[in-house]
Amino acid sequence: MKRKTIRLSKIKIKPEMAITLPKPNKFRWKYAFYRDLHKFESEIILDNHYYLTDGYTTYLLAKMFGHKKIEVKIQNKKGEK
């Protein structure tokens, strides 16, 4: 996976993920982690079309705290290393 800084607005969320809310305890923990340490507890992982595959809570927190850009990991295309 390669790392890249992109605009938060470029991240695409599939509808089935968008209707799901993180568990309250998980969200509180990650919120407190960011608030106290000024960094995210987990990374955002995207597929090669910029669809979110992991890190939905981090994405929501980045939006909540007004981030315009964020570092993400982008998965390789199938068959690539």
N, C-alpha and C. Protein backbone atom coordinates (compact mmCIF):
# COMPACT_ATOMS: atom_id res chain seq x y z
N MET A 1 0.84 -1.18 0.00
CA MET A 1 0.00 0.00 0.00
C MET A 1 0.89 1.24 0.00
N LYS A 2 0.44 2.22 -0.71
CA LYS A 2 1.19 3.47 -0.70
C LYS A 2 0.43 4.52 0.10
N ARG A 3 1.17 5.43 0.67
CA ARG A 3 0.60 6.53 1.44
C ARG A 3 0.49 7.75 0.54
N LYS A 4 -0.57 8.52 0.81
CA LYS A 4 -0.81 9.70 0.01
C LYS A 4 -1.65 10.67 0.83
N THR A 5 -1.42 11.96 0.68
CA THR A 5 -2.27 12.96 1.32
C THR A 5 -3.26 13.44 0.26
N ILE A 6 -4.55 13.34 0.61
CA ILE A 6 -5.59 13.74 -0.34
C ILE A 6 -6.60 14.64 0.36
N ARG A 7 -7.40 15.30 -0.45
CA ARG A 7 -8.51 16.09 0.09
C ARG A 7 -9.56 15.13 0.64
N LEU A 8 -10.09 15.45 1.79
CA LEU A 8 -11.11 14.61 2.41
C LEU A 8 -12.32 14.45 1.49
N SER A 9 -12.60 15.47 0.72
CA SER A 9 -13.76 15.44 -0.18
C SER A 9 -13.61 14.42 -1.31
N LYS A 10 -12.40 13.93 -1.55
CA LYS A 10 -12.20 12.93 -2.61
C LYS A 10 -12.54 11.52 -2.16
N ILE A 11 -12.67 11.32 -0.85
CA ILE A 11 -12.97 9.99 -0.32
C ILE A 11 -14.42 9.64 -0.61
N LYS A 12 -14.63 8.46 -1.18
CA LYS A 12 -15.97 8.00 -1.51
C LYS A 12 -16.42 6.97 -0.47
N ILE A 13 -17.67 7.08 -0.07
CA ILE A 13 -18.25 6.18 0.93
C ILE A 13 -19.37 5.40 0.26
N LYS A 14 -19.29 4.08 0.33
CA LYS A 14 -20.37 3.25 -0.24
C LYS A 14 -21.62 3.42 0.62
N PRO A 15 -22.80 3.37 -0.01
CA PRO A 15 -24.05 3.61 0.72
C PRO A 15 -24.23 2.71 1.94
N GLU A 16 -23.83 1.44 1.83
CA GLU A 16 -24.02 0.53 2.96
C GLU A 16 -23.15 0.93 4.15
N MET A 17 -22.03 1.59 3.90
CA MET A 17 -21.20 2.07 5.00
C MET A 17 -21.75 3.38 5.56
N ALA A 18 -22.27 4.22 4.69
CA ALA A 18 -22.78 5.53 5.10
C ALA A 18 -23.97 5.43 6.05
N ILE A 19 -24.73 4.36 5.96
CA ILE A 19 -25.90 4.23 6.84
C ILE A 19 -25.56 3.59 8.18
N THR A 20 -24.30 3.17 8.33
CA THR A 20 -23.87 2.51 9.56
C THR A 20 -23.16 3.51 10.45
N LEU A 21 -23.53 3.56 11.71
CA LEU A 21 -22.85 4.43 12.66
C LEU A 21 -21.87 3.61 13.48
N PRO A 22 -20.72 4.20 13.82
CA PRO A 22 -19.78 3.49 14.69
C PRO A 22 -20.41 3.27 16.07
N LYS A 23 -19.97 2.24 16.76
CA LYS A 23 -20.47 2.00 18.11
C LYS A 23 -20.07 3.18 18.99
N PRO A 24 -20.97 3.63 19.87
CA PRO A 24 -20.69 4.81 20.69
C PRO A 24 -19.38 4.73 21.48
N ASN A 25 -19.09 3.59 22.08
CA ASN A 25 -17.85 3.47 22.86
C ASN A 25 -16.61 3.63 21.97
N LYS A 26 -16.67 3.05 20.80
CA LYS A 26 -15.54 3.15 19.86
C LYS A 26 -15.35 4.61 19.45
N PHE A 27 -16.45 5.29 19.15
CA PHE A 27 -16.37 6.68 18.72
C PHE A 27 -15.83 7.56 19.85
N ARG A 28 -16.32 7.35 21.07
CA ARG A 28 -15.83 8.13 22.22
C ARG A 28 -14.34 7.93 22.44
N TRP A 29 -13.89 6.68 22.35
CA TRP A 29 -12.47 6.37 22.54
C TRP A 29 -11.63 7.09 21.50
N LYS A 30 -12.01 6.99 20.23
CA LYS A 30 -11.22 7.60 19.16
C LYS A 30 -11.30 9.12 19.20
N TYR A 31 -12.43 9.65 19.62
CA TYR A 31 -12.58 11.10 19.80
C TYR A 31 -11.62 11.58 20.88
N ALA A 32 -11.63 10.92 22.03
CA ALA A 32 -10.76 11.31 23.14
C ALA A 32 -9.28 11.17 22.75
N PHE A 33 -8.94 10.12 22.02
CA PHE A 33 -7.57 9.92 21.56
C PHE A 33 -7.12 11.11 20.72
N TYR A 34 -7.97 11.51 19.76
CA TYR A 34 -7.62 12.64 18.89
C TYR A 34 -7.56 13.94 19.69
N ARG A 35 -8.53 14.15 20.53
CA ARG A 35 -8.60 15.38 21.32
C ARG A 35 -7.35 15.53 22.20
N ASP A 36 -6.92 14.44 22.80
CA ASP A 36 -5.80 14.49 23.73
C ASP A 36 -4.43 14.49 23.05
N LEU A 37 -4.30 13.74 21.96
CA LEU A 37 -2.99 13.56 21.33
C LEU A 37 -2.83 14.29 19.99
N HIS A 38 -3.93 14.84 19.48
CA HIS A 38 -3.92 15.57 18.20
C HIS A 38 -3.44 14.71 17.04
N LYS A 39 -3.79 13.43 17.11
CA LYS A 39 -3.55 12.52 15.99
C LYS A 39 -4.61 11.44 16.04
N PHE A 40 -4.83 10.81 14.89
CA PHE A 40 -5.86 9.79 14.81
C PHE A 40 -5.33 8.45 15.30
N GLU A 41 -6.20 7.69 15.93
CA GLU A 41 -5.84 6.39 16.49
C GLU A 41 -5.67 5.34 15.40
N SER A 42 -6.39 5.48 14.29
CA SER A 42 -6.27 4.52 13.20
C SER A 42 -6.24 5.25 11.86
N GLU A 43 -5.81 4.53 10.84
CA GLU A 43 -5.63 5.12 9.52
C GLU A 43 -6.86 4.92 8.64
N ILE A 44 -6.91 5.72 7.60
CA ILE A 44 -7.93 5.55 6.57
C ILE A 44 -7.31 4.74 5.44
N ILE A 45 -8.02 3.71 5.01
CA ILE A 45 -7.56 2.88 3.90
C ILE A 45 -8.60 2.95 2.79
N LEU A 46 -8.11 3.23 1.59
CA LEU A 46 -8.97 3.35 0.41
C LEU A 46 -8.58 2.31 -0.63
N ASP A 47 -9.55 1.96 -1.47
CA ASP A 47 -9.19 1.13 -2.62
C ASP A 47 -8.63 2.05 -3.71
N ASN A 48 -8.24 1.51 -4.83
CA ASN A 48 -7.61 2.33 -5.86
C ASN A 48 -8.58 3.28 -6.58
N HIS A 49 -9.87 3.22 -6.22
CA HIS A 49 -10.86 4.16 -6.76
C HIS A 49 -11.28 5.18 -5.70
N TYR A 50 -10.56 5.20 -4.58
CA TYR A 50 -10.77 6.13 -3.46
C TYR A 50 -12.02 5.82 -2.64
N TYR A 51 -12.51 4.58 -2.74
CA TYR A 51 -13.61 4.15 -1.85
C TYR A 51 -13.02 3.72 -0.52
N LEU A 52 -13.63 4.16 0.56
CA LEU A 52 -13.18 3.82 1.89
C LEU A 52 -13.39 2.34 2.15
N THR A 53 -12.33 1.66 2.59
CA THR A 53 -12.45 0.24 2.95
C THR A 53 -12.24 0.03 4.44
N ASP A 54 -11.55 0.96 5.10
CA ASP A 54 -11.34 0.87 6.55
C ASP A 54 -11.02 2.27 7.07
N GLY A 55 -11.41 2.52 8.32
CA GLY A 55 -11.13 3.81 8.93
C GLY A 55 -12.29 4.78 8.89
N TYR A 56 -13.51 4.24 8.88
CA TYR A 56 -14.69 5.11 8.79
C TYR A 56 -14.78 6.07 9.97
N THR A 57 -14.46 5.61 11.17
CA THR A 57 -14.52 6.48 12.35
C THR A 57 -13.50 7.60 12.22
N THR A 58 -12.32 7.29 11.74
CA THR A 58 -11.30 8.33 11.52
C THR A 58 -11.78 9.34 10.49
N TYR A 59 -12.41 8.86 9.43
CA TYR A 59 -12.98 9.75 8.41
C TYR A 59 -14.01 10.69 9.03
N LEU A 60 -14.92 10.14 9.83
CA LEU A 60 -15.94 10.97 10.47
C LEU A 60 -15.33 12.02 11.40
N LEU A 61 -14.32 11.62 12.16
CA LEU A 61 -13.65 12.56 13.06
C LEU A 61 -12.91 13.64 12.28
N ALA A 62 -12.27 13.27 11.20
CA ALA A 62 -11.57 14.27 10.38
C ALA A 62 -12.55 15.30 9.85
N LYS A 63 -13.71 14.86 9.41
CA LYS A 63 -14.74 15.80 8.96
C LYS A 63 -15.22 16.67 10.12
N MET A 64 -15.46 16.04 11.26
CA MET A 64 -15.95 16.74 12.44
C MET A 64 -14.99 17.84 12.89
N PHE A 65 -13.69 17.56 12.83
CA PHE A 65 -12.69 18.52 13.27
C PHE A 65 -12.25 19.47 12.16
N GLY A 66 -12.91 19.41 11.00
CA GLY A 66 -12.67 20.39 9.93
C GLY A 66 -11.42 20.18 9.10
N HIS A 67 -10.90 18.96 9.07
CA HIS A 67 -9.74 18.70 8.22
C HIS A 67 -10.13 18.82 6.76
N LYS A 68 -9.26 19.42 5.99
CA LYS A 68 -9.47 19.51 4.54
C LYS A 68 -8.72 18.40 3.81
N LYS A 69 -7.55 18.02 4.35
CA LYS A 69 -6.73 16.97 3.76
C LYS A 69 -6.34 15.98 4.86
N ILE A 70 -6.06 14.75 4.43
CA ILE A 70 -5.66 13.71 5.38
C ILE A 70 -4.78 12.70 4.66
N GLU A 71 -3.87 12.12 5.42
CA GLU A 71 -3.02 11.06 4.86
C GLU A 71 -3.80 9.75 4.88
N VAL A 72 -3.75 9.03 3.77
CA VAL A 72 -4.46 7.76 3.64
C VAL A 72 -3.49 6.71 3.11
N LYS A 73 -3.90 5.46 3.21
CA LYS A 73 -3.21 4.36 2.55
C LYS A 73 -4.11 3.92 1.40
N ILE A 74 -3.50 3.71 0.25
CA ILE A 74 -4.27 3.27 -0.92
C ILE A 74 -3.83 1.85 -1.27
N GLN A 75 -4.83 0.95 -1.30
CA GLN A 75 -4.56 -0.44 -1.63
C GLN A 75 -4.15 -0.56 -3.08
N ASN A 76 -3.23 -1.48 -3.33
CA ASN A 76 -2.81 -1.74 -4.70
C ASN A 76 -3.94 -2.38 -5.48
N LYS A 77 -3.87 -2.22 -6.79
CA LYS A 77 -4.82 -2.92 -7.66
C LYS A 77 -4.60 -4.41 -7.49
N LYS A 78 -5.62 -5.19 -7.76
CA LYS A 78 -5.48 -6.64 -7.68
C LYS A 78 -4.35 -7.08 -8.59
N GLY A 79 -3.51 -7.94 -8.05
CA GLY A 79 -2.39 -8.45 -8.83
C GLY A 79 -1.12 -7.64 -8.70
N GLU A 80 -1.23 -6.40 -8.18
CA GLU A 80 -0.05 -5.56 -7.96
C GLU A 80 0.53 -5.81 -6.59
N LYS A 81 1.81 -5.57 -6.46
CA LYS A 81 2.46 -5.68 -5.16
C LYS A 81 2.98 -4.34 -4.73
